[in-house]
Structure formats: structure tokens, C-alpha cells
Amino acid sequence: MPIREECCLCGKILPYYSLKRCFRCKRLYCSTCIEYAEDGNVVCLNCARRMVSPIRLGTKYSPLTRYLAWRARYTDVATLLFRQIEGIIGNSLPFVAFQNVEWWKNGHTGSQRKAWLDVGWHVEDVNVEKRMVTFRREKGIRPVEKKQKKSPRGQKKTQKLLPKAEPRRRRIPSRTKMAKMVGRLKNIERRGMMPKSYPGQLKSRSSHEKKLFQK
């Protein structure tokens, strides 16, 4: 009878020869939970997601913190499989988590422990054989929220709003201004009709000078 193994992502139990090992995390996965890299190597979906978007905010277990904070709105107990936790954090758990129960114990050291202790949860039970962990929320403890900085003397900061720009009103000119404008236009028209005078133009001869030149 062939040896049967479990897929580390979906949990299907298949023969050993039908599973393939990821070259990054060195675990066994079924054909639906793997991808092939450009160089032909087998990559699981978790490792492929890390290769596509390697930049993450916070620590490796920050998504688990946000998930437990969300679950705290509805229940005080959360039972998760190891593969579900790997799907939440988008990463694979270390090999120690599958073998040693001490890795799941509550304590003040370790980024994985801070992931559930910071939001008021603690590990109640761990079953390594079934690959299952149970979290319980402590009563009276709420998730840590960032407090906004208060202004001095406890006064709230008020945003300085700029005055709204009022629509510009068109001013109607008075009758006197209209009359002056009409008078200026008429003067300009009159000047255009008059003959132009050039500087240095000779003066017209008088009648006496004309009689002298006629002779």
C-alpha cells in the first residue's frame, strides 16, 4: 500500500507520489496548490504570493492580529487549523510550529505570541496531530487602539476653514458715468473726421502775399 501524505495547504490526503515539494518552503503540496516558476521549479501558492508582493506592512503575523481583532466582535473562541493560519498570514508557519507545542505557548517574547496577546487573545489548546489551535479572548480586554493626541488644556483642535468665496457681482454703472463715456466716444469720432495736422506744416498764405505772388 503506497504511503499517503497530507497537502500542507488544502489538507487533502493523497499518495506520496502525487504530491510535489515546493523548492522554497520544502513542503508537500497537491497539484491544485502549486505553480511552476519560470525556471521550472515547483512553487506553492503561499510562496508564489510572497514572490509577487514581497513588501508587507508590520510583521509576518500582523494579518493574524487583524483577523483576531475582527473575530472579537462576534465571538470569544476561535479554532483554526494550521493551514488556515497560513492562509491568513499569507506565509508558511515554521517547521517548529508543527512539531513543538512550546511554540504556541503564551509569553512575552516572539512575534507570533504578540500577534494574539496584543489584541487580548491567548492560546487555550493546541493539537499538533490534528494541526489545530484554539484561541480564547480574555474578558475585559479590548484591542489596543491608537489614541489621538489632544491639544493643550484639553481643547480640541479645530480646523481653520477659509472663508467661502462669494460669487462676484456685476456692478451696473451709474447714469453719469454712462454719459461721460458717450461724450468721450463722440469726441474721439470728431477727432477722426478732422484733417490731420502734422508738425512743421507751413502756414497758409495771407491774401496780401497771394496778390504779391500773382504779379
Protein backbone atom coordinates (compact mmCIF):
# COMPACT_ATOMS: atom_id res chain seq x y z
CA MET A 1 0.00 0.00 0.00
CA PRO A 2 1.53 3.36 -1.01
CA ILE A 3 2.39 5.90 1.64
CA ARG A 4 -0.20 8.66 1.93
CA GLU A 5 0.59 12.25 2.89
CA GLU A 6 -1.43 15.39 3.52
CA CYS A 7 -1.23 18.54 1.42
CA CYS A 8 0.07 21.33 3.66
CA LEU A 9 -2.31 23.89 2.14
CA CYS A 10 -5.69 22.32 1.38
CA GLY A 11 -5.38 19.27 3.67
CA LYS A 12 -6.15 16.61 1.07
CA ILE A 13 -4.69 13.16 1.82
CA LEU A 14 -3.14 11.72 -1.33
CA PRO A 15 -0.47 9.16 -2.23
CA TYR A 16 3.06 10.36 -1.73
CA TYR A 17 3.98 10.14 -5.43
CA SER A 18 1.11 12.51 -6.41
CA LEU A 19 2.39 15.31 -4.16
CA LYS A 20 5.17 17.67 -5.11
CA ARG A 21 7.63 19.53 -2.90
CA CYS A 22 7.99 23.32 -3.01
CA PHE A 23 11.59 24.36 -3.58
CA ARG A 24 11.22 27.35 -1.20
CA CYS A 25 9.45 26.01 1.91
CA LYS A 26 10.34 22.29 1.25
CA ARG A 27 6.79 21.04 1.95
CA LEU A 28 4.46 18.74 0.04
CA TYR A 29 1.50 20.11 -1.93
CA CYS A 30 -1.07 18.70 -4.33
CA SER A 31 -1.34 19.72 -7.97
CA THR A 32 -4.03 22.35 -7.26
CA CYS A 33 -1.89 24.17 -4.68
CA ILE A 34 1.30 24.62 -6.73
CA GLU A 35 2.57 26.76 -9.55
CA TYR A 36 5.59 26.44 -11.80
CA ALA A 37 8.18 29.21 -11.81
CA GLU A 38 9.94 30.47 -14.93
CA ASP A 39 12.91 28.19 -14.27
CA GLY A 40 10.60 25.15 -13.95
CA ASN A 41 10.77 24.80 -10.16
CA VAL A 42 7.65 23.93 -8.18
CA VAL A 43 6.30 26.78 -6.01
CA CYS A 44 3.35 26.58 -3.62
CA LEU A 45 0.67 29.28 -3.69
CA ASN A 46 1.85 30.86 -0.45
CA CYS A 47 5.43 31.20 -1.68
CA ALA A 48 4.22 32.42 -5.08
CA ARG A 49 2.23 35.16 -3.39
CA ARG A 50 5.29 36.26 -1.43
CA MET A 51 7.35 36.35 -4.62
CA VAL A 52 4.79 38.59 -6.32
CA SER A 53 4.28 41.01 -3.41
CA PRO A 54 7.22 40.67 -1.00
CA ILE A 55 6.65 44.02 0.74
CA ARG A 56 4.37 43.69 3.79
CA LEU A 57 3.29 46.10 6.48
CA GLY A 58 4.14 45.15 10.05
CA THR A 59 5.46 41.73 10.98
CA LYS A 60 4.81 38.34 9.46
CA TYR A 61 1.93 37.69 11.86
CA SER A 62 0.27 41.12 11.64
CA PRO A 63 -2.59 39.75 9.46
CA LEU A 64 -3.38 37.28 12.26
CA THR A 65 -3.63 40.19 14.70
CA ARG A 66 -6.13 41.97 12.46
CA TYR A 67 -8.10 38.77 11.97
CA LEU A 68 -8.44 38.10 15.71
CA ALA A 69 -9.42 41.71 16.34
CA TRP A 70 -12.19 41.27 13.78
CA ARG A 71 -13.32 37.95 15.33
CA ALA A 72 -13.54 39.63 18.75
CA ARG A 73 -16.66 41.48 17.58
CA TYR A 74 -18.60 38.24 17.21
CA THR A 75 -17.13 35.52 19.44
CA ASP A 76 -14.73 34.82 22.31
CA VAL A 77 -13.42 31.49 20.94
CA ALA A 78 -11.68 30.87 17.61
CA THR A 79 -10.47 27.43 16.46
CA LEU A 80 -8.18 27.50 13.45
CA LEU A 81 -6.26 24.89 11.53
CA PHE A 82 -2.60 25.49 10.85
CA ARG A 83 -3.28 25.77 7.12
CA GLN A 84 -5.97 28.39 7.81
CA ILE A 85 -3.45 30.46 9.73
CA GLU A 86 -1.02 30.13 6.83
CA GLY A 87 -3.74 31.40 4.51
CA ILE A 88 -4.46 34.36 6.82
CA ILE A 89 -0.84 35.47 7.14
CA GLY A 90 -0.08 34.63 3.53
CA ASN A 91 3.01 32.72 4.58
CA SER A 92 4.02 29.32 5.84
CA LEU A 93 4.46 28.57 9.52
CA PRO A 94 7.90 27.44 10.67
CA PHE A 95 8.62 23.72 10.98
CA VAL A 96 8.78 24.05 14.79
CA ALA A 97 5.09 25.01 14.91
CA PHE A 98 4.14 21.56 13.55
CA GLN A 99 6.34 19.62 15.97
CA ASN A 100 6.70 21.54 19.24
CA VAL A 101 3.79 22.74 21.39
CA GLU A 102 6.06 25.22 23.16
CA TRP A 103 5.99 27.43 20.07
CA TRP A 104 2.30 28.13 20.72
CA LYS A 105 2.56 28.88 24.43
CA ASN A 106 1.69 32.34 25.66
CA GLY A 107 4.65 34.53 26.53
CA HIS A 108 6.15 37.98 26.16
CA THR A 109 8.79 37.00 23.60
CA GLY A 110 8.24 36.06 19.99
CA SER A 111 6.40 37.89 17.23
CA GLN A 112 3.85 35.08 16.92
CA ARG A 113 2.85 35.41 20.59
CA LYS A 114 2.45 39.18 20.36
CA ALA A 115 0.11 38.66 17.42
CA TRP A 116 -2.66 37.32 19.68
CA LEU A 117 -1.68 38.76 23.07
CA ASP A 118 -1.72 42.38 21.86
CA VAL A 119 -5.41 42.13 20.98
CA GLY A 120 -6.48 40.30 24.15
CA TRP A 121 -6.40 36.67 22.97
CA HIS A 122 -4.46 33.70 24.36
CA VAL A 123 -3.87 30.13 23.23
CA GLU A 124 -6.14 27.75 25.13
CA ASP A 125 -5.38 24.44 23.44
CA VAL A 126 -3.03 23.11 20.74
CA ASN A 127 -3.35 19.77 18.95
CA VAL A 128 -0.26 19.08 16.89
CA GLU A 129 -1.59 15.80 15.49
CA LYS A 130 -4.74 17.42 14.10
CA ARG A 131 -2.81 20.62 13.38
CA MET A 132 -5.34 22.74 15.21
CA VAL A 133 -5.12 25.60 17.72
CA THR A 134 -7.86 27.20 19.83
CA PHE A 135 -7.71 30.87 20.82
CA ARG A 136 -9.83 32.41 23.58
CA ARG A 137 -10.37 36.09 24.19
CA GLU A 138 -9.84 37.36 27.71
CA LYS A 139 -12.84 39.21 29.11
CA GLY A 140 -12.45 42.85 29.89
CA ILE A 141 -9.54 43.32 27.47
CA ARG A 142 -10.14 45.24 24.30
CA PRO A 143 -7.86 45.54 21.31
CA VAL A 144 -5.23 48.22 21.66
CA GLU A 145 -6.24 51.32 19.75
CA LYS A 146 -4.03 54.25 18.94
CA LYS A 147 -5.11 57.31 20.87
CA GLN A 148 -5.23 60.63 19.12
CA LYS A 149 -3.05 63.36 20.50
CA LYS A 150 -5.01 66.01 22.36
CA SER A 151 -4.27 69.68 22.12
CA PRO A 152 -3.04 71.53 25.24
CA ARG A 153 -5.55 72.22 28.01
CA GLY A 154 -7.81 69.50 26.63
CA GLN A 155 -9.07 71.69 23.83
CA LYS A 156 -9.96 70.02 20.58
CA LYS A 157 -8.12 71.09 17.53
CA THR A 158 -10.36 72.97 15.15
CA GLN A 159 -9.51 73.20 11.53
CA LYS A 160 -9.15 76.71 10.25
CA LEU A 161 -11.60 76.95 7.41
CA LEU A 162 -11.03 79.56 4.76
CA PRO A 163 -13.99 81.85 4.05
CA LYS A 164 -16.05 80.72 1.12
CA ALA A 165 -15.57 82.78 -1.99
CA GLU A 166 -18.80 84.59 -2.80
CA PRO A 167 -19.83 84.92 -6.45
CA ARG A 168 -18.64 88.19 -7.92
CA ARG A 169 -21.48 90.62 -8.57
CA ARG A 170 -21.54 92.76 -11.69
CA ARG A 171 -21.83 96.42 -10.87
CA ILE A 172 -24.13 98.46 -13.10
CA PRO A 173 -22.50 101.84 -13.93
CA SER A 174 -24.42 104.96 -12.99
CA ARG A 175 -26.03 107.31 -15.50
CA THR A 176 -23.39 109.97 -15.06
CA LYS A 177 -20.60 107.53 -15.94
CA MET A 178 -22.54 106.34 -18.96
CA ALA A 179 -22.99 109.95 -20.12
CA LYS A 180 -19.26 110.64 -19.74
CA MET A 181 -18.38 107.55 -21.71
CA VAL A 182 -20.74 108.51 -24.54
CA GLY A 183 -19.26 112.01 -24.61
CA ARG A 184 -15.70 110.65 -24.87
CA LEU A 185 -16.68 108.36 -27.74
CA LYS A 186 -18.21 111.29 -29.64
CA ASN A 187 -15.08 113.37 -29.12
CA ILE A 188 -12.95 110.54 -30.50
CA GLU A 189 -15.20 110.29 -33.57
CA ARG A 190 -14.97 114.04 -34.16
CA ARG A 191 -11.21 113.99 -33.98
CA GLY A 192 -11.12 111.23 -36.59
CA MET A 193 -13.20 113.35 -39.01
CA MET A 194 -10.98 116.44 -38.68
CA PRO A 195 -7.95 116.82 -41.02
CA LYS A 196 -4.74 115.68 -39.54
CA SER A 197 -2.17 118.28 -38.60
CA TYR A 198 1.48 117.39 -38.96
CA PRO A 199 4.29 119.11 -37.11
CA GLY A 200 6.24 121.65 -39.19
CA GLN A 201 3.40 122.22 -41.66
CA LEU A 202 3.56 125.61 -43.48
CA LYS A 203 1.01 128.21 -42.63
CA SER A 204 -1.48 129.25 -45.26
CA ARG A 205 -0.58 132.49 -47.11
CA SER A 206 -2.39 135.63 -46.36
CA SER A 207 -4.40 137.47 -49.06
CA HIS A 208 -1.71 140.16 -49.34
CA GLU A 209 1.02 137.57 -50.02
CA LYS A 210 -1.13 135.90 -52.65
CA LYS A 211 -1.55 139.23 -54.53
CA LEU A 212 2.20 139.78 -54.48
CA PHE A 213 3.00 136.39 -55.93
CA GLN A 214 0.35 136.73 -58.64
CA LYS A 215 2.18 139.69 -60.12
